[in-house]
C-alpha atoms as a PDB file:
ATOM      1  CA  MET A   1      13.889 -42.576  -0.732  1.00  0.00           C
ATOM      2  CA  ARG A   2      11.317 -40.180   0.934  1.00  0.00           C
ATOM      3  CA  ASN A   3      13.995 -38.340   2.984  1.00  0.00           C
ATOM      4  CA  ARG A   4      16.207 -37.919  -0.143  1.00  0.00           C
ATOM      5  CA  ASN A   5      13.183 -36.533  -2.304  1.00  0.00           C
ATOM      6  CA  THR A   6      12.318 -34.190   0.614  1.00  0.00           C
ATOM      7  CA  SER A   7      16.188 -33.083   0.802  1.00  0.00           C
ATOM      8  CA  MET A   8      16.120 -32.469  -2.847  1.00  0.00           C
ATOM      9  CA  ARG A   9      12.959 -30.588  -2.883  1.00  0.00           C
ATOM     10  CA  HIS A  10      14.315 -28.399  -0.140  1.00  0.00           C
ATOM     11  CA  SER A  11      17.687 -28.016  -1.922  1.00  0.00           C
ATOM     12  CA  LEU A  12      15.622 -26.852  -5.053  1.00  0.00           C
ATOM     13  CA  VAL A  13      13.785 -24.265  -2.900  1.00  0.00           C
ATOM     14  CA  VAL A  14      16.926 -22.782  -1.593  1.00  0.00           C
ATOM     15  CA  VAL A  15      18.535 -22.506  -5.079  1.00  0.00           C
ATOM     16  CA  ALA A  16      15.437 -20.786  -6.153  1.00  0.00           C
ATOM     17  CA  LEU A  17      15.451 -18.163  -3.499  1.00  0.00           C
ATOM     18  CA  ALA A  18      19.091 -17.750  -3.822  1.00  0.00           C
ATOM     19  CA  MET A  19      18.396 -17.015  -7.464  1.00  0.00           C
ATOM     20  CA  VAL A  20      16.125 -14.336  -6.620  1.00  0.00           C
ATOM     21  CA  ALA A  21      18.171 -12.729  -4.173  1.00  0.00           C
ATOM     22  CA  VAL A  22      20.826 -12.213  -6.747  1.00  0.00           C
ATOM     23  CA  MET A  23      18.716 -11.227  -9.475  1.00  0.00           C
ATOM     24  CA  PRO A  24      20.314  -8.455 -11.565  1.00  0.00           C
ATOM     25  CA  ALA A  25      18.883  -5.096 -12.189  1.00  0.00           C
ATOM     26  CA  SER A  26      18.963  -5.796 -16.028  1.00  0.00           C
ATOM     27  CA  ALA A  27      16.070  -8.320 -15.410  1.00  0.00           C
ATOM     28  CA  GLN A  28      13.988  -5.310 -14.606  1.00  0.00           C
ATOM     29  CA  GLN A  29      15.464  -2.986 -17.104  1.00  0.00           C
ATOM     30  CA  ASN A  30      15.142  -5.708 -19.905  1.00  0.00           C
ATOM     31  CA  ALA A  31      11.587  -6.909 -18.941  1.00  0.00           C
ATOM     32  CA  PRO A  32       9.101  -6.972 -21.926  1.00  0.00           C
ATOM     33  CA  GLU A  33       6.666  -4.240 -22.133  1.00  0.00           C
ATOM     34  CA  ILE A  34       3.080  -4.991 -21.650  1.00  0.00           C
ATOM     35  CA  ARG A  35       0.627  -3.256 -23.841  1.00  0.00           C
ATOM     36  CA  PHE A  36      -2.168  -1.330 -22.058  1.00  0.00           C
ATOM     37  CA  ASP A  37      -4.695   1.466 -22.372  1.00  0.00           C
ATOM     38  CA  SER A  38      -5.913   3.995 -19.728  1.00  0.00           C
ATOM     39  CA  VAL A  39      -9.932   4.311 -19.668  1.00  0.00           C
ATOM     40  CA  PRO A  40     -10.754   8.065 -20.104  1.00  0.00           C
ATOM     41  CA  ASP A  41     -12.925   9.726 -17.445  1.00  0.00           C
ATOM     42  CA  ALA A  42     -13.149   6.528 -15.394  1.00  0.00           C
ATOM     43  CA  LEU A  43     -14.504   8.570 -12.382  1.00  0.00           C
ATOM     44  CA  LYS A  44     -17.314  11.032 -12.543  1.00  0.00           C
ATOM     45  CA  LEU A  45     -16.915  13.757  -9.754  1.00  0.00           C
ATOM     46  CA  PRO A  46     -19.893  15.993  -8.851  1.00  0.00           C
ATOM     47  CA  ALA A  47     -19.672  19.621  -9.705  1.00  0.00           C
ATOM     48  CA  GLY A  48     -17.369  21.340  -6.868  1.00  0.00           C
ATOM     49  CA  ILE A  49     -15.719  18.207  -5.725  1.00  0.00           C
ATOM     50  CA  TYR A  50     -12.035  17.616  -6.823  1.00  0.00           C
ATOM     51  CA  LEU A  51      -9.432  14.778  -6.184  1.00  0.00           C
ATOM     52  CA  GLY A  52      -6.126  16.089  -4.570  1.00  0.00           C
ATOM     53  CA  GLU A  53      -3.176  13.883  -4.054  1.00  0.00           C
ATOM     54  CA  VAL A  54      -4.633  10.380  -4.412  1.00  0.00           C
ATOM     55  CA  ALA A  55      -3.092   8.219  -1.675  1.00  0.00           C
ATOM     56  CA  GLY A  56      -5.374   5.183  -1.980  1.00  0.00           C
ATOM     57  CA  VAL A  57      -7.792   3.541  -4.295  1.00  0.00           C
ATOM     58  CA  ALA A  58      -9.452   0.041  -3.857  1.00  0.00           C
ATOM     59  CA  THR A  59     -12.518  -1.986  -4.863  1.00  0.00           C
ATOM     60  CA  ASN A  60     -14.954  -4.229  -3.052  1.00  0.00           C
ATOM     61  CA  SER A  61     -16.607  -7.347  -4.324  1.00  0.00           C
ATOM     62  CA  ARG A  62     -19.366  -5.496  -6.314  1.00  0.00           C
ATOM     63  CA  GLY A  63     -16.715  -3.311  -8.133  1.00  0.00           C
ATOM     64  CA  ASP A  64     -17.289  -0.190  -6.138  1.00  0.00           C
ATOM     65  CA  ILE A  65     -14.379   2.095  -6.166  1.00  0.00           C
ATOM     66  CA  PHE A  66     -13.121   3.904  -3.051  1.00  0.00           C
ATOM     67  CA  VAL A  67     -10.568   6.737  -3.225  1.00  0.00           C
ATOM     68  CA  TYR A  68      -8.864   8.157  -0.019  1.00  0.00           C
ATOM     69  CA  THR A  69      -7.542  11.728  -1.384  1.00  0.00           C
ATOM     70  CA  ARG A  70      -5.691  14.547   0.268  1.00  0.00           C
ATOM     71  CA  THR A  71      -8.151  17.243  -0.533  1.00  0.00           C
ATOM     72  CA  GLY A  72     -10.726  19.268   1.556  1.00  0.00           C
ATOM     73  CA  HIS A  73     -10.496  22.066   4.038  1.00  0.00           C
ATOM     74  CA  PRO A  74      -8.282  21.273   7.119  1.00  0.00           C
ATOM     75  CA  THR A  75      -9.511  23.026  10.121  1.00  0.00           C
ATOM     76  CA  VAL A  76      -8.071  23.372  13.883  1.00  0.00           C
ATOM     77  CA  THR A  77     -10.295  24.424  16.672  1.00  0.00           C
ATOM     78  CA  ILE A  78      -8.365  26.079  19.402  1.00  0.00           C
ATOM     79  CA  GLY A  79      -8.911  27.757  22.634  1.00  0.00           C
ATOM     80  CA  THR A  80      -9.338  24.401  24.550  1.00  0.00           C
ATOM     81  CA  ALA A  81      -6.729  22.047  26.202  1.00  0.00           C
ATOM     82  CA  ARG A  82      -6.908  19.824  23.394  1.00  0.00           C
ATOM     83  CA  PRO A  83      -6.890  21.357  19.693  1.00  0.00           C
ATOM     84  CA  PHE A  84      -9.191  19.420  17.349  1.00  0.00           C
ATOM     85  CA  ALA A  85      -7.876  19.285  13.870  1.00  0.00           C
ATOM     86  CA  HIS A  86      -9.603  17.501  11.145  1.00  0.00           C
ATOM     87  CA  GLY A  87     -10.637  17.748   7.423  1.00  0.00           C
ATOM     88  CA  GLY A  88      -7.426  17.282   5.525  1.00  0.00           C
ATOM     89  CA  SER A  89      -8.457  14.376   3.557  1.00  0.00           C
ATOM     90  CA  ARG A  90     -11.738  12.739   2.298  1.00  0.00           C
ATOM     91  CA  LEU A  91     -12.860   9.137   1.350  1.00  0.00           C
ATOM     92  CA  PHE A  92     -15.147   8.979  -1.686  1.00  0.00           C
ATOM     93  CA  GLN A  93     -17.058   5.896  -2.993  1.00  0.00           C
ATOM     94  CA  PHE A  94     -17.886   5.450  -6.694  1.00  0.00           C
ATOM     95  CA  ASP A  95     -20.043   2.604  -8.297  1.00  0.00           C
ATOM     96  CA  ALA A  96     -18.568   0.243 -10.764  1.00  0.00           C
ATOM     97  CA  ALA A  97     -19.304   2.582 -13.657  1.00  0.00           C
ATOM     98  CA  GLY A  98     -17.457   5.394 -12.052  1.00  0.00           C
ATOM     99  CA  LYS A  99     -20.543   7.384 -10.826  1.00  0.00           C
ATOM    100  CA  PHE A 100     -19.984   9.211  -7.506  1.00  0.00           C
ATOM    101  CA  VAL A 101     -21.969   7.373  -4.687  1.00  0.00           C
ATOM    102  CA  ARG A 102     -21.203   9.219  -1.556  1.00  0.00           C
ATOM    103  CA  GLU A 103     -18.520  10.364   0.901  1.00  0.00           C
ATOM    104  CA  ILE A 104     -17.537   8.238   3.865  1.00  0.00           C
ATOM    105  CA  GLY A 105     -16.403   9.666   7.236  1.00  0.00           C
ATOM    106  CA  LYS A 106     -16.961  13.169   6.287  1.00  0.00           C
ATOM    107  CA  ASN A 107     -15.235  15.446   8.871  1.00  0.00           C
ATOM    108  CA  SER A 108     -13.833  12.539  10.720  1.00  0.00           C
ATOM    109  CA  TYR A 109     -11.525  13.261  13.507  1.00  0.00           C
ATOM    110  CA  ALA A 110      -8.993  10.578  12.092  1.00  0.00           C
ATOM    111  CA  MET A 111      -8.813  12.013   8.601  1.00  0.00           C
ATOM    112  CA  MET A 112      -6.000  14.449   8.036  1.00  0.00           C
ATOM    113  CA  PHE A 113      -3.255  13.130   5.618  1.00  0.00           C
ATOM    114  CA  ALA A 114      -4.470  10.191   3.638  1.00  0.00           C
ATOM    115  CA  SER A 115      -1.885   7.455   3.184  1.00  0.00           C
ATOM    116  CA  GLN A 116      -3.815   4.291   1.914  1.00  0.00           C
ATOM    117  CA  VAL A 117      -7.160   2.671   1.576  1.00  0.00           C
ATOM    118  CA  ARG A 118      -7.859  -1.099   1.541  1.00  0.00           C
ATOM    119  CA  VAL A 119     -11.123  -3.249   1.257  1.00  0.00           C
ATOM    120  CA  ASP A 120     -10.956  -6.663   3.042  1.00  0.00           C
ATOM    121  CA  ALA A 121     -12.665  -9.931   2.241  1.00  0.00           C
ATOM    122  CA  SER A 122     -15.974  -8.990   4.013  1.00  0.00           C
ATOM    123  CA  ASP A 123     -15.988  -5.561   1.978  1.00  0.00           C
ATOM    124  CA  ASN A 124     -14.921  -3.430   5.107  1.00  0.00           C
ATOM    125  CA  ILE A 125     -13.137  -0.263   4.326  1.00  0.00           C
ATOM    126  CA  TRP A 126      -9.921   0.449   5.864  1.00  0.00           C
ATOM    127  CA  ALA A 127      -8.507   4.046   5.641  1.00  0.00           C
ATOM    128  CA  VAL A 128      -4.913   4.500   6.726  1.00  0.00           C
ATOM    129  CA  ASP A 129      -4.128   8.068   7.780  1.00  0.00           C
ATOM    130  CA  GLN A 130      -0.444   9.032   8.190  1.00  0.00           C
ATOM    131  CA  MET A 131      -0.720  12.365  10.160  1.00  0.00           C
ATOM    132  CA  THR A 132      -3.418  11.014  12.784  1.00  0.00           C
ATOM    133  CA  ASN A 133      -1.229   7.693  13.034  1.00  0.00           C
ATOM    134  CA  THR A 134      -4.520   5.940  12.747  1.00  0.00           C
ATOM    135  CA  ILE A 135      -6.259   2.971  10.787  1.00  0.00           C
ATOM    136  CA  MET A 136     -10.047   3.337  10.656  1.00  0.00           C
ATOM    137  CA  LYS A 137     -12.139   0.494   9.700  1.00  0.00           C
ATOM    138  CA  PHE A 138     -15.759   1.260   8.240  1.00  0.00           C
ATOM    139  CA  ASP A 139     -18.296  -1.660   7.915  1.00  0.00           C
ATOM    140  CA  PRO A 140     -19.749  -1.742   4.243  1.00  0.00           C
ATOM    141  CA  GLN A 141     -22.464   0.670   5.210  1.00  0.00           C
ATOM    142  CA  GLY A 142     -19.906   3.484   6.250  1.00  0.00           C
ATOM    143  CA  ARG A 143     -20.139   3.031  10.020  1.00  0.00           C
ATOM    144  CA  ILE A 144     -16.904   3.198  11.956  1.00  0.00           C
ATOM    145  CA  ALA A 145     -16.310  -0.549  13.122  1.00  0.00           C
ATOM    146  CA  MET A 146     -12.680  -0.418  14.491  1.00  0.00           C
ATOM    147  CA  LEU A 147      -9.889   2.229  15.136  1.00  0.00           C
ATOM    148  CA  LEU A 148      -6.403   1.069  15.406  1.00  0.00           C
ATOM    149  CA  GLY A 149      -3.949   3.675  16.653  1.00  0.00           C
ATOM    150  CA  ARG A 150      -4.315   6.880  18.431  1.00  0.00           C
ATOM    151  CA  LYS A 151      -4.446  10.536  17.275  1.00  0.00           C
ATOM    152  CA  ALA A 152      -2.073  12.658  19.375  1.00  0.00           C
ATOM    153  CA  GLU A 153      -3.191  15.742  21.204  1.00  0.00           C
ATOM    154  CA  SER A 154      -1.148  17.938  19.112  1.00  0.00           C
ATOM    155  CA  VAL A 155       0.152  17.097  15.691  1.00  0.00           C
ATOM    156  CA  PRO A 156       3.385  18.821  14.498  1.00  0.00           C
ATOM    157  CA  ILE A 157       3.341  20.494  10.953  1.00  0.00           C
ATOM    158  CA  PRO A 158       5.381  19.572   9.210  1.00  0.00           C
ATOM    159  CA  ALA A 159       6.152  16.196  10.674  1.00  0.00           C
ATOM    160  CA  ARG A 160       9.212  16.019  12.901  1.00  0.00           C
ATOM    161  CA  PRO A 161      11.978  13.571  11.664  1.00  0.00           C
ATOM    162  CA  SER A 162      12.144  10.371  13.626  1.00  0.00           C
ATOM    163  CA  THR A 163      14.727   9.941  16.294  1.00  0.00           C
ATOM    164  CA  GLY A 164      14.487   6.287  17.115  1.00  0.00           C
ATOM    165  CA  ASP A 165      15.611   3.250  15.587  1.00  0.00           C
ATOM    166  CA  GLY A 166      12.214   2.508  13.849  1.00  0.00           C
ATOM    167  CA  ALA A 167      11.241  -0.428  15.861  1.00  0.00           C
ATOM    168  CA  GLY A 168       8.172   1.494  17.396  1.00  0.00           C
ATOM    169  CA  GLN A 169       6.402   0.496  20.569  1.00  0.00           C
ATOM    170  CA  PRO A 170       4.796  -3.162  21.045  1.00  0.00           C
ATOM    171  CA  THR A 171       1.304  -1.697  20.730  1.00  0.00           C
ATOM    172  CA  ASP A 172      -0.959   0.037  18.145  1.00  0.00           C
ATOM    173  CA  LEU A 173       0.809   3.423  18.604  1.00  0.00           C
ATOM    174  CA  PHE A 174       2.130   4.076  15.098  1.00  0.00           C
ATOM    175  CA  ASP A 175       4.401   6.711  13.623  1.00  0.00           C
ATOM    176  CA  ARG A 176       3.169   7.609  10.290  1.00  0.00           C
ATOM    177  CA  PRO A 177       1.701   4.413   9.160  1.00  0.00           C
ATOM    178  CA  THR A 178       1.352   3.773   5.335  1.00  0.00           C
ATOM    179  CA  ASP A 179      -0.659   0.578   4.617  1.00  0.00           C
ATOM    180  CA  VAL A 180      -2.720  -2.397   5.809  1.00  0.00           C
ATOM    181  CA  ALA A 181      -3.208  -5.985   4.638  1.00  0.00           C
ATOM    182  CA  PHE A 182      -5.018  -8.974   5.909  1.00  0.00           C
ATOM    183  CA  ASP A 183      -4.584 -12.768   5.952  1.00  0.00           C
ATOM    184  CA  ALA A 184      -7.200 -15.543   5.285  1.00  0.00           C
ATOM    185  CA  ALA A 185      -7.747 -15.767   9.160  1.00  0.00           C
ATOM    186  CA  GLY A 186      -8.508 -12.030   9.373  1.00  0.00           C
ATOM    187  CA  ASN A 187      -5.151 -11.074  11.031  1.00  0.00           C
ATOM    188  CA  ILE A 188      -4.239  -7.537  10.254  1.00  0.00           C
ATOM    189  CA  PHE A 189      -0.999  -6.317   9.238  1.00  0.00           C
ATOM    190  CA  VAL A 190       0.175  -2.773   9.300  1.00  0.00           C
ATOM    191  CA  ALA A 191       2.933  -1.215   7.580  1.00  0.00           C
ATOM    192  CA  ASP A 192       4.191   1.423  10.230  1.00  0.00           C
ATOM    193  CA  GLY A 193       6.643   2.545   7.850  1.00  0.00           C
ATOM    194  CA  MET A 194       7.515   6.198   7.452  1.00  0.00           C
ATOM    195  CA  SER A 195       9.000   7.363  10.811  1.00  0.00           C
ATOM    196  CA  ASN A 196       8.853   3.805  12.187  1.00  0.00           C
ATOM    197  CA  ALA A 197      10.045   1.090   9.969  1.00  0.00           C
ATOM    198  CA  ARG A 198       8.247  -1.934  10.904  1.00  0.00           C
ATOM    199  CA  VAL A 199       5.304  -4.188  10.534  1.00  0.00           C
ATOM    200  CA  ALA A 200       2.878  -4.744  13.240  1.00  0.00           C
ATOM    201  CA  LYS A 201       0.478  -7.729  13.522  1.00  0.00           C
ATOM    202  CA  PHE A 202      -2.950  -7.697  15.018  1.00  0.00           C
ATOM    203  CA  ASP A 203      -5.501 -10.461  15.262  1.00  0.00           C
ATOM    204  CA  LYS A 204      -8.864 -10.066  13.797  1.00  0.00           C
ATOM    205  CA  ASP A 205     -10.359  -8.282  16.757  1.00  0.00           C
ATOM    206  CA  GLY A 206      -7.483  -5.705  16.693  1.00  0.00           C
ATOM    207  CA  LYS A 207      -5.517  -7.223  19.663  1.00  0.00           C
ATOM    208  CA  PHE A 208      -1.649  -6.524  19.285  1.00  0.00           C
ATOM    209  CA  VAL A 209       0.308  -9.700  18.546  1.00  0.00           C
ATOM    210  CA  LYS A 210       3.751  -8.684  17.686  1.00  0.00           C
ATOM    211  CA  SER A 211       5.878  -6.329  15.404  1.00  0.00           C
ATOM    212  CA  TRP A 212       9.237  -6.756  13.648  1.00  0.00           C
ATOM    213  CA  GLY A 213      11.550  -4.723  11.863  1.00  0.00           C
ATOM    214  CA  LYS A 214      13.665  -1.396  12.446  1.00  0.00           C
ATOM    215  CA  LYS A 215      15.788   1.098  10.340  1.00  0.00           C
ATOM    216  CA  GLY A 216      18.689  -0.600   8.644  1.00  0.00           C
ATOM    217  CA  THR A 217      19.713  -2.502   5.475  1.00  0.00           C
ATOM    218  CA  ALA A 218      20.048  -6.026   6.869  1.00  0.00           C
ATOM    219  CA  PRO A 219      17.581  -8.814   6.189  1.00  0.00           C
ATOM    220  CA  GLY A 220      14.386  -7.935   8.335  1.00  0.00           C
ATOM    221  CA  GLU A 221      15.410  -4.243   8.540  1.00  0.00           C
ATOM    222  CA  PHE A 222      13.856  -1.389   6.405  1.00  0.00           C
ATOM    223  CA  ALA A 223      14.709   2.099   4.980  1.00  0.00           C
ATOM    224  CA  ASN A 224      10.840   2.400   5.038  1.00  0.00           C
ATOM    225  CA  VAL A 225       7.840   0.261   4.685  1.00  0.00           C
ATOM    226  CA  ARG A 226       5.655   2.118   2.055  1.00  0.00           C
ATOM    227  CA  SER A 227       3.226  -0.815   1.048  1.00  0.00           C
ATOM    228  CA  ILE A 228       2.413  -4.303   2.198  1.00  0.00           C
ATOM    229  CA  ALA A 229       0.450  -7.509   0.923  1.00  0.00           C
ATOM    230  CA  VAL A 230      -0.340 -10.999   2.098  1.00  0.00           C
ATOM    231  CA  ASP A 231      -0.564 -14.054  -0.130  1.00  0.00           C
ATOM    232  CA  ALA A 232      -2.783 -16.935   0.282  1.00  0.00           C
ATOM    233  CA  GLN A 233      -0.285 -18.890   2.329  1.00  0.00           C
ATOM    234  CA  GLY A 234      -0.083 -15.837   4.717  1.00  0.00           C
ATOM    235  CA  ASN A 235       3.387 -14.708   3.690  1.00  0.00           C
ATOM    236  CA  VAL A 236       3.841 -10.896   4.187  1.00  0.00           C
ATOM    237  CA  TYR A 237       5.461  -8.883   1.341  1.00  0.00           C
ATOM    238  CA  ALA A 238       6.920  -5.640   2.559  1.00  0.00           C
ATOM    239  CA  ALA A 239       7.867  -2.778   0.126  1.00  0.00           C
ATOM    240  CA  ASP A 240      11.212  -1.565   1.288  1.00  0.00           C
ATOM    241  CA  GLY A 241      11.668   1.314  -1.298  1.00  0.00           C
ATOM    242  CA  GLY A 242      14.422   3.058   0.376  1.00  0.00           C
ATOM    243  CA  ASN A 243      16.568  -0.068   0.013  1.00  0.00           C
ATOM    244  CA  GLN A 244      15.059  -0.951  -3.536  1.00  0.00           C
ATOM    245  CA  ARG A 245      13.533  -4.187  -2.511  1.00  0.00           C
ATOM    246  CA  ILE A 246      10.752  -6.208  -1.312  1.00  0.00           C
ATOM    247  CA  GLN A 247      11.178  -8.279   1.618  1.00  0.00           C
ATOM    248  CA  VAL A 248       9.069 -11.491   2.237  1.00  0.00           C
ATOM    249  CA  PHE A 249       8.284 -12.803   5.660  1.00  0.00           C
ATOM    250  CA  ASP A 250       6.135 -15.741   7.020  1.00  0.00           C
ATOM    251  CA  ASN A 251       3.075 -15.145   8.821  1.00  0.00           C
ATOM    252  CA  ASN A 252       5.114 -14.540  12.056  1.00  0.00           C
ATOM    253  CA  GLY A 253       7.576 -12.058  10.745  1.00  0.00           C
ATOM    254  CA  THR A 254      10.531 -14.613  10.038  1.00  0.00           C
ATOM    255  CA  PHE A 255      12.389 -13.409   7.075  1.00  0.00           C
ATOM    256  CA  LYS A 256      12.388 -15.735   4.111  1.00  0.00           C
ATOM    257  CA  THR A 257      13.483 -13.907   1.181  1.00  0.00           C
ATOM    258  CA  SER A 258      14.197 -10.648  -0.648  1.00  0.00           C
ATOM    259  CA  ILE A 259      13.234  -9.465  -4.060  1.00  0.00           C
ATOM    260  CA  PRO A 260      15.792  -6.836  -5.211  1.00  0.00           C
ATOM    261  CA  ASN A 261      16.320  -4.163  -7.624  1.00  0.00           C
ATOM    262  CA  VAL A 262      12.565  -3.071  -7.905  1.00  0.00           C
ATOM    263  CA  GLY A 263      13.472   0.599  -7.450  1.00  0.00           C
ATOM    264  CA  ASN A 264      11.402   2.760  -5.211  1.00  0.00           C
ATOM    265  CA  ALA A 265       8.709   0.184  -4.453  1.00  0.00           C
ATOM    266  CA  GLN A 266       6.054   2.376  -3.091  1.00  0.00           C
ATOM    267  CA  ALA A 267       2.851   0.585  -4.149  1.00  0.00           C
ATOM    268  CA  LEU A 268       2.148  -3.124  -4.143  1.00  0.00           C
ATOM    269  CA  CYS A 269      -0.853  -5.316  -5.220  1.00  0.00           C
ATOM    270  CA  LEU A 270      -1.178  -8.859  -5.137  1.00  0.00           C
ATOM    271  CA  THR A 271      -3.921 -10.713  -7.208  1.00  0.00           C
ATOM    272  CA  LYS A 272      -6.058 -13.685  -5.856  1.00  0.00           C
ATOM    273  CA  GLY A 273      -6.422 -17.228  -7.455  1.00  0.00           C
ATOM    274  CA  ALA A 274      -4.425 -20.096  -8.437  1.00  0.00           C
ATOM    275  CA  ASN A 275      -1.797 -18.049 -10.084  1.00  0.00           C
ATOM    276  CA  PRO A 276      -1.241 -14.834  -8.335  1.00  0.00           C
ATOM    277  CA  VAL A 277       0.898 -12.169  -9.545  1.00  0.00           C
ATOM    278  CA  LEU A 278       2.403  -9.146  -7.740  1.00  0.00           C
ATOM    279  CA  TYR A 279       2.413  -5.653  -9.140  1.00  0.00           C
ATOM    280  CA  VAL A 280       4.994  -3.242  -7.972  1.00  0.00           C
ATOM    281  CA  SER A 281       5.237   0.457  -8.894  1.00  0.00           C
ATOM    282  CA  ASN A 282       8.816   1.839  -9.047  1.00  0.00           C
ATOM    283  CA  SER A 283       7.193   5.257  -8.286  1.00  0.00           C
ATOM    284  CA  ASN A 284       9.238   8.445  -9.266  1.00  0.00           C
ATOM    285  CA  PRO A 285       9.902  11.017  -6.730  1.00  0.00           C
ATOM    286  CA  PRO A 286       7.456  13.964  -6.539  1.00  0.00           C
ATOM    287  CA  ASP A 287      10.080  16.483  -7.663  1.00  0.00           C
ATOM    288  CA  ASP A 288      11.367  14.570 -10.603  1.00  0.00           C
ATOM    289  CA  ILE A 289       8.531  13.452 -13.397  1.00  0.00           C
ATOM    290  CA  ASP A 290      11.400  12.371 -15.841  1.00  0.00           C
ATOM    291  CA  ARG A 291      12.650   9.143 -14.512  1.00  0.00           C
ATOM    292  CA  ASP A 292      11.437   5.882 -13.396  1.00  0.00           C
ATOM    293  CA  GLY A 293       7.619   5.646 -12.854  1.00  0.00           C
ATOM    294  CA  GLU A 294       7.172   1.996 -14.473  1.00  0.00           C
ATOM    295  CA  ILE A 295       4.844  -0.615 -12.830  1.00  0.00           C
ATOM    296  CA  TYR A 296       6.233  -4.233 -12.838  1.00  0.00           C
ATOM    297  CA  LYS A 297       4.328  -7.296 -13.113  1.00  0.00           C
ATOM    298  CA  MET A 298       5.998 -10.338 -11.304  1.00  0.00           C
ATOM    299  CA  ARG A 299       5.454 -13.893 -10.007  1.00  0.00           C
ATOM    300  CA  LEU A 300       5.634 -14.296  -6.276  1.00  0.00           C
ATOM    301  CA  ASP A 301       9.175 -15.675  -6.544  1.00  0.00           C
ATOM    302  CA  GLY A 302      10.296 -12.611  -7.976  1.00  0.00           C
ATOM    303  CA  THR A 303      10.330 -13.644 -11.718  1.00  0.00           C
ATOM    304  CA  MET A 304       9.809 -10.671 -13.990  1.00  0.00           C
ATOM    305  CA  ILE A 305       6.655 -10.942 -16.290  1.00  0.00           C
ATOM    306  CA  GLY A 306       6.728  -7.509 -17.760  1.00  0.00           C
ATOM    307  CA  LYS A 307       6.493  -3.950 -17.166  1.00  0.00           C
ATOM    308  CA  PHE A 308       4.544  -0.982 -18.433  1.00  0.00           C
ATOM    309  CA  GLY A 309       4.196   2.906 -18.028  1.00  0.00           C
ATOM    310  CA  ARG A 310       6.669   5.464 -17.266  1.00  0.00           C
ATOM    311  CA  ALA A 311       6.819   8.882 -15.276  1.00  0.00           C
ATOM    312  CA  GLY A 312       5.017  11.719 -16.775  1.00  0.00           C
ATOM    313  CA  LYS A 313       1.763  13.680 -16.882  1.00  0.00           C
ATOM    314  CA  LEU A 314      -0.124  12.199 -20.034  1.00  0.00           C
ATOM    315  CA  PRO A 315      -2.636   9.453 -19.868  1.00  0.00           C
ATOM    316  CA  LYS A 316      -0.598   5.997 -19.580  1.00  0.00           C
ATOM    317  CA  GLU A 317       2.142   8.027 -17.749  1.00  0.00           C
ATOM    318  CA  PHE A 318       2.274   8.107 -13.977  1.00  0.00           C
ATOM    319  CA  GLY A 319       3.179  10.552 -11.389  1.00  0.00           C
ATOM    320  CA  THR A 320       4.243   9.119  -8.162  1.00  0.00           C
ATOM    321  CA  VAL A 321       1.979   6.132  -7.897  1.00  0.00           C
ATOM    322  CA  ASN A 322       1.000   5.478  -4.345  1.00  0.00           C
ATOM    323  CA  ALA A 323      -1.642   2.895  -4.671  1.00  0.00           C
ATOM    324  CA  ILE A 324      -2.632   0.102  -6.981  1.00  0.00           C
ATOM    325  CA  ASP A 325      -5.854  -1.942  -6.961  1.00  0.00           C
ATOM    326  CA  CYS A 326      -5.824  -5.369  -8.879  1.00  0.00           C
ATOM    327  CA  ARG A 327      -8.918  -7.270  -7.755  1.00  0.00           C
ATOM    328  CA  SER A 328      -8.947  -8.175 -11.566  1.00  0.00           C
ATOM    329  CA  GLU A 329      -5.352  -9.205 -12.926  1.00  0.00           C
ATOM    330  CA  ASN A 330      -5.907  -7.156 -16.099  1.00  0.00           C
ATOM    331  CA  THR A 331      -8.000  -4.169 -14.955  1.00  0.00           C
ATOM    332  CA  LEU A 332      -6.056  -2.094 -12.640  1.00  0.00           C
ATOM    333  CA  TYR A 333      -7.008   1.285 -10.700  1.00  0.00           C
ATOM    334  CA  VAL A 334      -3.707   3.255  -9.918  1.00  0.00           C
ATOM    335  CA  GLY A 335      -3.653   6.219  -7.571  1.00  0.00           C
ATOM    336  CA  GLU A 336      -1.288   9.002  -8.258  1.00  0.00           C
ATOM    337  CA  ILE A 337       0.119  11.689  -5.954  1.00  0.00           C
ATOM    338  CA  GLY A 338       1.777  13.864  -8.593  1.00  0.00           C
ATOM    339  CA  ASN A 339      -0.823  13.955 -11.062  1.00  0.00           C
ATOM    340  CA  LEU A 340      -3.948  14.202  -8.533  1.00  0.00           C
ATOM    341  CA  ARG A 341      -5.956  11.527 -10.333  1.00  0.00           C
ATOM    342  CA  VAL A 342      -6.997   7.798 -10.660  1.00  0.00           C
ATOM    343  CA  GLN A 343      -6.272   5.837 -13.835  1.00  0.00           C
ATOM    344  CA  LYS A 344      -8.207   2.859 -14.801  1.00  0.00           C
ATOM    345  CA  LEU A 345      -6.019   0.583 -16.736  1.00  0.00           C
ATOM    346  CA  THR A 346      -6.689  -2.244 -18.969  1.00  0.00           C
ATOM    347  CA  LEU A 347      -3.770  -4.716 -19.761  1.00  0.00           C
ATOM    348  CA  HIS A 348      -3.565  -6.575 -23.003  1.00  0.00           C
END
């Protein structure tokens, strides 16, 4: 009887995953609209400081808000064997009321082209930089605690197209990384996903463990990996926007299932707690503000709960969302590349 029940449970899981794999696009198109509001003037910047393209936004356990933005004054020092380039992006901290607190890592060697910012369970701040190919960990006091990746001696501008298969090297040498996430054991998962097309796993001390993925359309392959999240069981959710899907892997990179028909999945956020939900942005392309742009709210099995927003310039509209913070399920911070802003959203 026990074997029969186990077999039945296994069959139900297989059926559920198969249903997710064939979910029609209409499930997203016909998803119920979630009512929401955008809080005006959520962040108060000092005079003379402005947000550029907002690549990342995240909060810590106290409610402080961190914004990694493509702004500032890029500089290159020449005349030596190794040109020194820095200053293309800035990392700002605000308190829970939105008041500006400080800038972290000003003039850092590893801040050129912001890609994402995340905060781990210990309130460490992780800045992902696409142009320097680095992920920089700051402790809560703003001191550098770890560096993954290595900035090249010369940085081609604009970035050159990748010529490999996207699998990358079995090390922490990245090619335009996009995001970072963590499991309960402190393992680090890097979405090395713009020129490469892989997920790289490191232990809590930054030692390379393994990587998986390459360019393609088959399960376990990616068009790109724009965002990443890890659930309480250690499963890894990778946003494969170019293939209009989210791929789900176990903690060691074994493919489990795919959530299809999510459009250009460019930003993911997974809530904590007993009943977690997944937020997914179907981000509009920067050169087209008239289509897509909505954010989906989903169960972890891909079941659609609802959607909200659309592409545009007004409050409650979105311009190429690149980051979502969902520490609170119904209070979100959304970072937009196209509109150079952070919106604080309240869902009803």
